[in-house]
Amino acid sequence: MKQKRRSFLKTAGGFAAGLALAPYACTSGIKTEEAVDTSAFGLQLYTLRDDFPKDPKGVLAQVASFGYKQIESYEGPQGMFWGMTNKEFKAYMDELGMNIVASHCDIDNDFERKAAEAAEIGMKYLICPWRSQQTLDGYRQAAADFNAKGEICRANGIRFAYHNHAYSFTEMEGEMPQDIFMNETDPDLVDFEMDMYWVVTGGQDPKAWFNKYPGRFKLGHVKDRLGNTEEAEATCTLGTGIIDYPSIVPEAKTAGMEYFIVEQERYDGTTPLKSTEANAAYMADLLG
């Protein structure tokens, strides 16, 4: 894969060499006013980062044809709406029968404008995709910043969330950074998007975290992991790896997860679009 996620966010950290993954893989706020259809599933557009920027509308049409009903965008060189205004993007989503429910974005620049534009078209979330820190105090400061960003989102009628990588599920000085995020953010202001791949890669059990903090993980990234490798970036097409989503997802729903969003970062013997189509078939069976 020529362009890795580290080129967008920085390198993904916190992977322990020699990690025994299989045991973790296979172990069996503000209230939402509208019921969320948890049989629907979404796609994080970073999955198609090589194709999507070249022809956003054409790629989105293909994504819709695969059965995706939700889109999670990310902020690239053309912004969250990829050369379109927020209203133009929303109108095209409507044509395709999809919703843009969220976007990853740079929360340190022009965040108030981004929140206003997201709210204007009915998006539910703006999401911080990366906040690795060198110290526990750094994580506490990040949690305080999340609360501040959550206030901005609440003022606009949307929600703020944080998306994890493995680093927040890797112990530091006897503490887990993710616990700091969970305990020092206000549930009325901050939700969480659990990237279940990175939880497993960090050596943790997603189910244990759902049960520890019920109602806090409102969104989830669903992506599978190759077995028999210690490589951190080892995603694969859903159903071909070691993560037991048929066991995990029902517990996630019970614990309050509402949005299930496919993401994949590595492809062996296939193309991103073909894998995206295969992932849609897997999700339709999983959530249907």
C-alpha atoms as a PDB file:
ATOM      1  CA  MET A   1       0.000   0.000   0.000  1.00  0.00           C
ATOM      2  CA  LYS A   2       1.661   3.174  -1.236  1.00  0.00           C
ATOM      3  CA  GLN A   3      -0.124   5.637   0.982  1.00  0.00           C
ATOM      4  CA  LYS A   4      -0.503   4.523   4.566  1.00  0.00           C
ATOM      5  CA  ARG A   5      -2.642   6.168   7.214  1.00  0.00           C
ATOM      6  CA  ARG A   6       0.478   7.506   8.874  1.00  0.00           C
ATOM      7  CA  SER A   7       0.805   9.929   5.943  1.00  0.00           C
ATOM      8  CA  PHE A   8      -2.529  11.427   6.960  1.00  0.00           C
ATOM      9  CA  LEU A   9      -2.422  11.223  10.732  1.00  0.00           C
ATOM     10  CA  LYS A  10       1.163  10.174  11.694  1.00  0.00           C
ATOM     11  CA  THR A  11       2.217   6.624  12.327  1.00  0.00           C
ATOM     12  CA  ALA A  12      -0.083   4.359  14.310  1.00  0.00           C
ATOM     13  CA  GLY A  13       1.619   3.473  17.554  1.00  0.00           C
ATOM     14  CA  GLY A  14       1.322   1.296  20.569  1.00  0.00           C
ATOM     15  CA  PHE A  15       1.747  -2.153  19.011  1.00  0.00           C
ATOM     16  CA  ALA A  16       3.532  -4.583  21.275  1.00  0.00           C
ATOM     17  CA  ALA A  17       5.836  -7.095  19.626  1.00  0.00           C
ATOM     18  CA  GLY A  18       4.945 -10.700  20.255  1.00  0.00           C
ATOM     19  CA  LEU A  19       1.317  -9.865  21.047  1.00  0.00           C
ATOM     20  CA  ALA A  20      -0.934 -12.920  21.364  1.00  0.00           C
ATOM     21  CA  LEU A  21      -3.918 -11.706  19.371  1.00  0.00           C
ATOM     22  CA  ALA A  22      -6.228 -14.697  19.094  1.00  0.00           C
ATOM     23  CA  PRO A  23      -7.566 -14.686  22.683  1.00  0.00           C
ATOM     24  CA  TYR A  24      -8.675 -11.094  22.289  1.00  0.00           C
ATOM     25  CA  ALA A  25     -10.078 -11.622  18.825  1.00  0.00           C
ATOM     26  CA  CYS A  26     -12.363 -14.527  19.587  1.00  0.00           C
ATOM     27  CA  THR A  27     -13.560 -13.967  23.150  1.00  0.00           C
ATOM     28  CA  SER A  28     -17.037 -14.588  23.090  1.00  0.00           C
ATOM     29  CA  GLY A  29     -24.397  11.345  27.390  1.00  0.00           C
ATOM     30  CA  ILE A  30     -26.988  12.881  25.682  1.00  0.00           C
ATOM     31  CA  LYS A  31     -29.729  10.499  24.792  1.00  0.00           C
ATOM     32  CA  THR A  32     -30.396   9.925  21.112  1.00  0.00           C
ATOM     33  CA  GLU A  33     -33.763  11.436  20.257  1.00  0.00           C
ATOM     34  CA  GLU A  34     -34.266   9.426  17.070  1.00  0.00           C
ATOM     35  CA  ALA A  35     -33.942   5.676  16.851  1.00  0.00           C
ATOM     36  CA  VAL A  36     -30.927   4.688  14.761  1.00  0.00           C
ATOM     37  CA  ASP A  37     -31.276   1.859  12.257  1.00  0.00           C
ATOM     38  CA  THR A  38     -28.472  -0.442  13.379  1.00  0.00           C
ATOM     39  CA  SER A  39     -29.020  -2.713  10.375  1.00  0.00           C
ATOM     40  CA  ALA A  40     -27.584   0.062   8.191  1.00  0.00           C
ATOM     41  CA  PHE A  41     -23.824   0.277   7.797  1.00  0.00           C
ATOM     42  CA  GLY A  42     -21.373   2.876   6.628  1.00  0.00           C
ATOM     43  CA  LEU A  43     -18.015   3.347   4.945  1.00  0.00           C
ATOM     44  CA  GLN A  44     -15.093   5.487   6.063  1.00  0.00           C
ATOM     45  CA  LEU A  45     -13.997   7.072   2.786  1.00  0.00           C
ATOM     46  CA  TYR A  46     -10.327   6.751   3.737  1.00  0.00           C
ATOM     47  CA  THR A  47     -10.779   3.131   2.662  1.00  0.00           C
ATOM     48  CA  LEU A  48     -10.869   4.411  -0.940  1.00  0.00           C
ATOM     49  CA  ARG A  49      -8.239   7.123  -0.531  1.00  0.00           C
ATOM     50  CA  ASP A  50      -6.447   6.214  -3.781  1.00  0.00           C
ATOM     51  CA  ASP A  51      -9.614   6.260  -5.920  1.00  0.00           C
ATOM     52  CA  PHE A  52     -11.975   8.651  -4.199  1.00  0.00           C
ATOM     53  CA  PRO A  53     -10.167  12.015  -4.622  1.00  0.00           C
ATOM     54  CA  LYS A  54      -9.903  11.438  -8.397  1.00  0.00           C
ATOM     55  CA  ASP A  55     -13.663  11.089  -8.918  1.00  0.00           C
ATOM     56  CA  PRO A  56     -15.653  11.681  -5.715  1.00  0.00           C
ATOM     57  CA  LYS A  57     -19.089  11.477  -7.305  1.00  0.00           C
ATOM     58  CA  GLY A  58     -18.304   8.425  -9.405  1.00  0.00           C
ATOM     59  CA  VAL A  59     -16.822   6.525  -6.474  1.00  0.00           C
ATOM     60  CA  LEU A  60     -19.703   7.473  -4.185  1.00  0.00           C
ATOM     61  CA  ALA A  61     -22.155   6.125  -6.762  1.00  0.00           C
ATOM     62  CA  GLN A  62     -20.315   2.796  -6.727  1.00  0.00           C
ATOM     63  CA  VAL A  63     -20.320   2.758  -2.929  1.00  0.00           C
ATOM     64  CA  ALA A  64     -24.083   3.282  -2.898  1.00  0.00           C
ATOM     65  CA  SER A  65     -24.540   0.434  -5.390  1.00  0.00           C
ATOM     66  CA  PHE A  66     -22.774  -1.922  -2.967  1.00  0.00           C
ATOM     67  CA  GLY A  67     -25.432  -1.291  -0.305  1.00  0.00           C
ATOM     68  CA  TYR A  68     -23.799   1.267   1.977  1.00  0.00           C
ATOM     69  CA  LYS A  69     -26.336   3.699   3.455  1.00  0.00           C
ATOM     70  CA  GLN A  70     -23.971   5.823   5.548  1.00  0.00           C
ATOM     71  CA  ILE A  71     -20.775   7.705   4.808  1.00  0.00           C
ATOM     72  CA  GLU A  72     -18.053   8.832   7.187  1.00  0.00           C
ATOM     73  CA  SER A  73     -15.808  11.331   5.442  1.00  0.00           C
ATOM     74  CA  TYR A  74     -12.331  12.520   6.326  1.00  0.00           C
ATOM     75  CA  GLU A  75     -10.640  15.856   5.808  1.00  0.00           C
ATOM     76  CA  GLY A  76      -8.269  15.740   2.854  1.00  0.00           C
ATOM     77  CA  PRO A  77      -6.788  18.494   0.685  1.00  0.00           C
ATOM     78  CA  GLN A  78     -10.261  19.292  -0.671  1.00  0.00           C
ATOM     79  CA  GLY A  79     -11.841  19.444   2.778  1.00  0.00           C
ATOM     80  CA  MET A  80     -14.488  17.194   4.276  1.00  0.00           C
ATOM     81  CA  PHE A  81     -16.780  17.653   1.270  1.00  0.00           C
ATOM     82  CA  TRP A  82     -14.240  16.984  -1.477  1.00  0.00           C
ATOM     83  CA  GLY A  83     -14.532  20.029  -3.687  1.00  0.00           C
ATOM     84  CA  MET A  84     -18.255  20.428  -3.069  1.00  0.00           C
ATOM     85  CA  THR A  85     -19.981  22.701  -0.603  1.00  0.00           C
ATOM     86  CA  ASN A  86     -21.586  21.018   2.362  1.00  0.00           C
ATOM     87  CA  LYS A  87     -25.020  21.441   0.785  1.00  0.00           C
ATOM     88  CA  GLU A  88     -23.854  20.114  -2.589  1.00  0.00           C
ATOM     89  CA  PHE A  89     -22.390  17.048  -0.899  1.00  0.00           C
ATOM     90  CA  LYS A  90     -25.612  16.486   1.049  1.00  0.00           C
ATOM     91  CA  ALA A  91     -27.721  16.855  -2.098  1.00  0.00           C
ATOM     92  CA  TYR A  92     -25.641  14.227  -3.875  1.00  0.00           C
ATOM     93  CA  MET A  93     -25.911  11.902  -0.888  1.00  0.00           C
ATOM     94  CA  ASP A  94     -29.681  12.317  -1.066  1.00  0.00           C
ATOM     95  CA  GLU A  95     -29.643  11.381  -4.764  1.00  0.00           C
ATOM     96  CA  LEU A  96     -27.753   8.206  -3.928  1.00  0.00           C
ATOM     97  CA  GLY A  97     -29.935   7.287  -0.947  1.00  0.00           C
ATOM     98  CA  MET A  98     -27.072   7.679   1.534  1.00  0.00           C
ATOM     99  CA  ASN A  99     -26.391   9.905   4.548  1.00  0.00           C
ATOM    100  CA  ILE A 100     -23.147  11.547   5.597  1.00  0.00           C
ATOM    101  CA  VAL A 101     -23.317  10.858   9.307  1.00  0.00           C
ATOM    102  CA  ALA A 102     -19.834  11.978  10.382  1.00  0.00           C
ATOM    103  CA  SER A 103     -16.385  13.083   9.351  1.00  0.00           C
ATOM    104  CA  HIS A 104     -12.915  12.790  10.758  1.00  0.00           C
ATOM    105  CA  CYS A 105     -11.308  16.206  10.735  1.00  0.00           C
ATOM    106  CA  ASP A 106      -8.487  18.388  11.958  1.00  0.00           C
ATOM    107  CA  ILE A 107     -10.008  19.667  15.192  1.00  0.00           C
ATOM    108  CA  ASP A 108      -7.234  22.222  15.761  1.00  0.00           C
ATOM    109  CA  ASN A 109      -8.074  24.494  12.837  1.00  0.00           C
ATOM    110  CA  ASP A 110     -11.299  26.363  12.124  1.00  0.00           C
ATOM    111  CA  PHE A 111     -13.343  23.919  14.165  1.00  0.00           C
ATOM    112  CA  GLU A 112     -16.291  26.241  14.774  1.00  0.00           C
ATOM    113  CA  ARG A 113     -16.835  26.639  11.021  1.00  0.00           C
ATOM    114  CA  LYS A 114     -16.617  22.883  10.511  1.00  0.00           C
ATOM    115  CA  ALA A 115     -19.164  22.274  13.258  1.00  0.00           C
ATOM    116  CA  ALA A 116     -21.555  24.810  11.768  1.00  0.00           C
ATOM    117  CA  GLU A 117     -21.238  23.330   8.262  1.00  0.00           C
ATOM    118  CA  ALA A 118     -21.740  19.804   9.574  1.00  0.00           C
ATOM    119  CA  ALA A 119     -24.836  20.824  11.512  1.00  0.00           C
ATOM    120  CA  GLU A 120     -26.271  22.663   8.529  1.00  0.00           C
ATOM    121  CA  ILE A 121     -26.612  19.413   6.575  1.00  0.00           C
ATOM    122  CA  GLY A 122     -27.721  17.181   9.442  1.00  0.00           C
ATOM    123  CA  MET A 123     -24.489  15.387  10.192  1.00  0.00           C
ATOM    124  CA  LYS A 124     -24.367  13.706  13.594  1.00  0.00           C
ATOM    125  CA  TYR A 125     -20.659  13.846  14.472  1.00  0.00           C
ATOM    126  CA  LEU A 126     -17.302  15.481  13.999  1.00  0.00           C
ATOM    127  CA  ILE A 127     -14.541  13.108  15.046  1.00  0.00           C
ATOM    128  CA  CYS A 128     -10.938  13.537  16.158  1.00  0.00           C
ATOM    129  CA  PRO A 129      -8.975  10.746  14.448  1.00  0.00           C
ATOM    130  CA  TRP A 130      -5.678  10.967  16.335  1.00  0.00           C
ATOM    131  CA  ARG A 131      -4.394  12.323  19.657  1.00  0.00           C
ATOM    132  CA  SER A 132      -1.261  10.418  20.686  1.00  0.00           C
ATOM    133  CA  GLN A 133       0.560  11.971  23.665  1.00  0.00           C
ATOM    134  CA  GLN A 134       3.920  11.398  25.296  1.00  0.00           C
ATOM    135  CA  THR A 135       2.719  11.679  28.909  1.00  0.00           C
ATOM    136  CA  LEU A 136      -0.361  10.962  30.988  1.00  0.00           C
ATOM    137  CA  ASP A 137      -0.719  14.685  31.630  1.00  0.00           C
ATOM    138  CA  GLY A 138      -0.790  15.111  27.866  1.00  0.00           C
ATOM    139  CA  TYR A 139      -3.754  12.744  27.681  1.00  0.00           C
ATOM    140  CA  ARG A 140      -5.514  14.679  30.448  1.00  0.00           C
ATOM    141  CA  GLN A 141      -4.979  17.912  28.538  1.00  0.00           C
ATOM    142  CA  ALA A 142      -6.330  16.227  25.406  1.00  0.00           C
ATOM    143  CA  ALA A 143      -9.426  15.128  27.342  1.00  0.00           C
ATOM    144  CA  ALA A 144      -9.999  18.722  28.446  1.00  0.00           C
ATOM    145  CA  ASP A 145      -9.721  19.829  24.823  1.00  0.00           C
ATOM    146  CA  PHE A 146     -12.259  17.181  23.811  1.00  0.00           C
ATOM    147  CA  ASN A 147     -14.699  18.670  26.316  1.00  0.00           C
ATOM    148  CA  ALA A 148     -14.149  22.108  24.810  1.00  0.00           C
ATOM    149  CA  LYS A 149     -14.727  20.783  21.294  1.00  0.00           C
ATOM    150  CA  GLY A 150     -17.802  18.969  22.582  1.00  0.00           C
ATOM    151  CA  GLU A 151     -19.205  22.282  23.819  1.00  0.00           C
ATOM    152  CA  ILE A 152     -18.785  23.755  20.335  1.00  0.00           C
ATOM    153  CA  CYS A 153     -20.515  20.767  18.783  1.00  0.00           C
ATOM    154  CA  ARG A 154     -23.352  20.874  21.294  1.00  0.00           C
ATOM    155  CA  ALA A 155     -23.912  24.561  20.586  1.00  0.00           C
ATOM    156  CA  ASN A 156     -24.409  23.600  16.938  1.00  0.00           C
ATOM    157  CA  GLY A 157     -26.677  20.652  17.687  1.00  0.00           C
ATOM    158  CA  ILE A 158     -24.225  17.888  16.782  1.00  0.00           C
ATOM    159  CA  ARG A 159     -21.864  15.613  18.725  1.00  0.00           C
ATOM    160  CA  PHE A 160     -18.103  15.306  19.139  1.00  0.00           C
ATOM    161  CA  ALA A 161     -16.289  11.961  19.264  1.00  0.00           C
ATOM    162  CA  TYR A 162     -12.759  10.571  19.471  1.00  0.00           C
ATOM    163  CA  HIS A 163     -11.496   7.668  17.331  1.00  0.00           C
ATOM    164  CA  ASN A 164      -8.850   5.467  18.921  1.00  0.00           C
ATOM    165  CA  HIS A 165      -5.732   3.743  17.674  1.00  0.00           C
ATOM    166  CA  ALA A 166      -3.714   1.152  19.595  1.00  0.00           C
ATOM    167  CA  TYR A 167      -1.735   3.723  21.609  1.00  0.00           C
ATOM    168  CA  SER A 168      -4.625   4.610  23.925  1.00  0.00           C
ATOM    169  CA  PHE A 169      -5.110   0.915  24.703  1.00  0.00           C
ATOM    170  CA  THR A 170      -1.456   0.419  25.656  1.00  0.00           C
ATOM    171  CA  GLU A 171      -0.546   0.882  29.306  1.00  0.00           C
ATOM    172  CA  MET A 172       1.602   3.886  30.226  1.00  0.00           C
ATOM    173  CA  GLU A 173       3.029   4.288  33.735  1.00  0.00           C
ATOM    174  CA  GLY A 174       0.484   1.856  35.120  1.00  0.00           C
ATOM    175  CA  GLU A 175      -2.501   3.593  33.531  1.00  0.00           C
ATOM    176  CA  MET A 176      -4.410   3.129  30.318  1.00  0.00           C
ATOM    177  CA  PRO A 177      -4.699   6.371  28.328  1.00  0.00           C
ATOM    178  CA  GLN A 178      -8.145   5.310  27.131  1.00  0.00           C
ATOM    179  CA  ASP A 179      -9.335   5.257  30.750  1.00  0.00           C
ATOM    180  CA  ILE A 180      -8.200   8.857  31.088  1.00  0.00           C
ATOM    181  CA  PHE A 181     -10.183   9.800  27.997  1.00  0.00           C
ATOM    182  CA  MET A 182     -13.263   7.983  29.279  1.00  0.00           C
ATOM    183  CA  ASN A 183     -13.118   9.295  32.847  1.00  0.00           C
ATOM    184  CA  GLU A 184     -12.064  12.890  32.177  1.00  0.00           C
ATOM    185  CA  THR A 185     -14.498  13.683  29.391  1.00  0.00           C
ATOM    186  CA  ASP A 186     -18.084  14.715  30.019  1.00  0.00           C
ATOM    187  CA  PRO A 187     -20.564  12.145  28.633  1.00  0.00           C
ATOM    188  CA  ASP A 188     -22.870  15.024  27.784  1.00  0.00           C
ATOM    189  CA  LEU A 189     -20.189  16.402  25.475  1.00  0.00           C
ATOM    190  CA  VAL A 190     -17.982  13.584  24.208  1.00  0.00           C
ATOM    191  CA  ASP A 191     -18.722  10.214  22.639  1.00  0.00           C
ATOM    192  CA  PHE A 192     -16.267   7.643  21.314  1.00  0.00           C
ATOM    193  CA  GLU A 193     -15.756   5.784  18.073  1.00  0.00           C
ATOM    194  CA  MET A 194     -14.185   2.435  18.876  1.00  0.00           C
ATOM    195  CA  ASP A 195     -11.885   1.200  16.154  1.00  0.00           C
ATOM    196  CA  MET A 196     -12.191  -2.436  17.131  1.00  0.00           C
ATOM    197  CA  TYR A 197      -9.224  -3.444  14.994  1.00  0.00           C
ATOM    198  CA  TRP A 198      -6.931  -1.154  16.965  1.00  0.00           C
ATOM    199  CA  VAL A 199      -8.354  -2.326  20.291  1.00  0.00           C
ATOM    200  CA  VAL A 200      -7.457  -5.908  19.349  1.00  0.00           C
ATOM    201  CA  THR A 201      -4.075  -4.804  18.007  1.00  0.00           C
ATOM    202  CA  GLY A 202      -3.420  -3.098  21.333  1.00  0.00           C
ATOM    203  CA  GLY A 203      -3.993  -6.417  23.088  1.00  0.00           C
ATOM    204  CA  GLN A 204      -7.428  -5.618  24.486  1.00  0.00           C
ATOM    205  CA  ASP A 205     -10.896  -7.158  24.246  1.00  0.00           C
ATOM    206  CA  PRO A 206     -13.528  -4.838  22.711  1.00  0.00           C
ATOM    207  CA  LYS A 207     -16.298  -6.510  24.718  1.00  0.00           C
ATOM    208  CA  ALA A 208     -14.579  -5.717  28.000  1.00  0.00           C
ATOM    209  CA  TRP A 209     -14.482  -2.028  27.092  1.00  0.00           C
ATOM    210  CA  PHE A 210     -18.140  -1.961  26.004  1.00  0.00           C
ATOM    211  CA  ASN A 211     -19.076  -3.438  29.358  1.00  0.00           C
ATOM    212  CA  LYS A 212     -16.763  -1.130  31.296  1.00  0.00           C
ATOM    213  CA  TYR A 213     -18.155   2.023  29.693  1.00  0.00           C
ATOM    214  CA  PRO A 214     -21.679   1.262  28.446  1.00  0.00           C
ATOM    215  CA  GLY A 215     -23.235   3.985  26.355  1.00  0.00           C
ATOM    216  CA  ARG A 216     -19.963   5.778  25.580  1.00  0.00           C
ATOM    217  CA  PHE A 217     -18.970   4.021  22.344  1.00  0.00           C
ATOM    218  CA  LYS A 218     -21.593   5.255  19.902  1.00  0.00           C
ATOM    219  CA  LEU A 219     -19.708   4.525  16.688  1.00  0.00           C
ATOM    220  CA  GLY A 220     -17.480   1.662  15.675  1.00  0.00           C
ATOM    221  CA  HIS A 221     -14.946   0.968  12.951  1.00  0.00           C
ATOM    222  CA  VAL A 222     -15.368  -2.569  11.678  1.00  0.00           C
ATOM    223  CA  LYS A 223     -12.238  -3.947  10.043  1.00  0.00           C
ATOM    224  CA  ASP A 224     -10.617  -7.344  10.168  1.00  0.00           C
ATOM    225  CA  ARG A 225      -7.072  -8.354  11.057  1.00  0.00           C
ATOM    226  CA  LEU A 226      -4.746 -10.868   9.436  1.00  0.00           C
ATOM    227  CA  GLY A 227      -3.646 -13.711  11.685  1.00  0.00           C
ATOM    228  CA  ASN A 228      -0.104 -14.947  12.237  1.00  0.00           C
ATOM    229  CA  THR A 229       1.508 -11.518  12.002  1.00  0.00           C
ATOM    230  CA  GLU A 230       2.868  -8.994  14.469  1.00  0.00           C
ATOM    231  CA  GLU A 231       2.607  -6.172  11.972  1.00  0.00           C
ATOM    232  CA  ALA A 232       0.493  -3.303  13.277  1.00  0.00           C
ATOM    233  CA  GLU A 233      -1.085  -2.392   9.948  1.00  0.00           C
ATOM    234  CA  ALA A 234      -2.534  -5.741   8.899  1.00  0.00           C
ATOM    235  CA  THR A 235      -6.137  -5.100   7.885  1.00  0.00           C
ATOM    236  CA  CYS A 236      -7.893  -7.496   5.527  1.00  0.00           C
ATOM    237  CA  THR A 237     -11.288  -7.999   3.953  1.00  0.00           C
ATOM    238  CA  LEU A 238     -13.993  -8.677   6.526  1.00  0.00           C
ATOM    239  CA  GLY A 239     -14.495 -12.357   7.254  1.00  0.00           C
ATOM    240  CA  THR A 240     -10.995 -13.358   6.156  1.00  0.00           C
ATOM    241  CA  GLY A 241      -9.222 -12.446   9.399  1.00  0.00           C
ATOM    242  CA  ILE A 242      -9.294 -13.290  13.084  1.00  0.00           C
ATOM    243  CA  ILE A 243     -11.663 -10.764  14.643  1.00  0.00           C
ATOM    244  CA  ASP A 244     -14.905 -12.418  15.721  1.00  0.00           C
ATOM    245  CA  TYR A 245     -17.443  -9.777  14.708  1.00  0.00           C
ATOM    246  CA  PRO A 246     -20.465 -12.122  14.844  1.00  0.00           C
ATOM    247  CA  SER A 247     -19.732 -12.378  18.578  1.00  0.00           C
ATOM    248  CA  ILE A 248     -18.640  -8.777  19.154  1.00  0.00           C
ATOM    249  CA  VAL A 249     -21.310  -6.777  17.301  1.00  0.00           C
ATOM    250  CA  PRO A 250     -24.371  -7.978  19.258  1.00  0.00           C
ATOM    251  CA  GLU A 251     -22.672  -6.951  22.509  1.00  0.00           C
ATOM    252  CA  ALA A 252     -21.698  -3.634  20.945  1.00  0.00           C
ATOM    253  CA  LYS A 253     -25.338  -2.947  20.093  1.00  0.00           C
ATOM    254  CA  THR A 254     -26.457  -3.915  23.603  1.00  0.00           C
ATOM    255  CA  ALA A 255     -23.866  -1.494  25.016  1.00  0.00           C
ATOM    256  CA  GLY A 256     -25.195   1.373  22.897  1.00  0.00           C
ATOM    257  CA  MET A 257     -23.190   1.358  19.652  1.00  0.00           C
ATOM    258  CA  GLU A 258     -25.338   2.849  16.903  1.00  0.00           C
ATOM    259  CA  TYR A 259     -23.106   3.262  13.841  1.00  0.00           C
ATOM    260  CA  PHE A 260     -21.030   0.473  12.274  1.00  0.00           C
ATOM    261  CA  ILE A 261     -18.557   1.839   9.770  1.00  0.00           C
ATOM    262  CA  VAL A 262     -16.302  -0.236   7.529  1.00  0.00           C
ATOM    263  CA  GLU A 263     -12.686   0.778   7.094  1.00  0.00           C
ATOM    264  CA  GLN A 264      -9.821  -1.078   5.417  1.00  0.00           C
ATOM    265  CA  GLU A 265      -6.255   0.081   4.907  1.00  0.00           C
ATOM    266  CA  ARG A 266      -4.476  -2.830   3.245  1.00  0.00           C
ATOM    267  CA  TYR A 267      -5.319  -5.028   0.250  1.00  0.00           C
ATOM    268  CA  ASP A 268      -3.760  -8.312  -0.825  1.00  0.00           C
ATOM    269  CA  GLY A 269      -4.786  -9.807  -4.145  1.00  0.00           C
ATOM    270  CA  THR A 270      -7.729  -7.463  -4.671  1.00  0.00           C
ATOM    271  CA  THR A 271      -8.562  -3.793  -5.206  1.00  0.00           C
ATOM    272  CA  PRO A 272     -10.009  -1.321  -2.702  1.00  0.00           C
ATOM    273  CA  LEU A 273     -13.316  -1.150  -4.565  1.00  0.00           C
ATOM    274  CA  LYS A 274     -13.673  -4.924  -4.840  1.00  0.00           C
ATOM    275  CA  SER A 275     -12.866  -5.316  -1.172  1.00  0.00           C
ATOM    276  CA  THR A 276     -15.330  -2.537  -0.321  1.00  0.00           C
ATOM    277  CA  GLU A 277     -18.020  -4.475  -2.189  1.00  0.00           C
ATOM    278  CA  ALA A 278     -17.123  -7.714  -0.385  1.00  0.00           C
ATOM    279  CA  ASN A 279     -17.164  -5.885   2.948  1.00  0.00           C
ATOM    280  CA  ALA A 280     -20.684  -4.619   2.182  1.00  0.00           C
ATOM    281  CA  ALA A 281     -21.929  -8.165   1.610  1.00  0.00           C
ATOM    282  CA  TYR A 282     -20.370  -9.235   4.911  1.00  0.00           C
ATOM    283  CA  MET A 283     -21.981  -6.335   6.789  1.00  0.00           C
ATOM    284  CA  ALA A 284     -25.408  -6.939   5.254  1.00  0.00           C
ATOM    285  CA  ASP A 285     -25.267 -10.503   6.549  1.00  0.00           C
ATOM    286  CA  LEU A 286     -23.859  -9.460   9.923  1.00  0.00           C
ATOM    287  CA  LEU A 287     -26.363  -6.697  10.677  1.00  0.00           C
ATOM    288  CA  GLY A 288     -29.362  -7.864   8.691  1.00  0.00           C
END
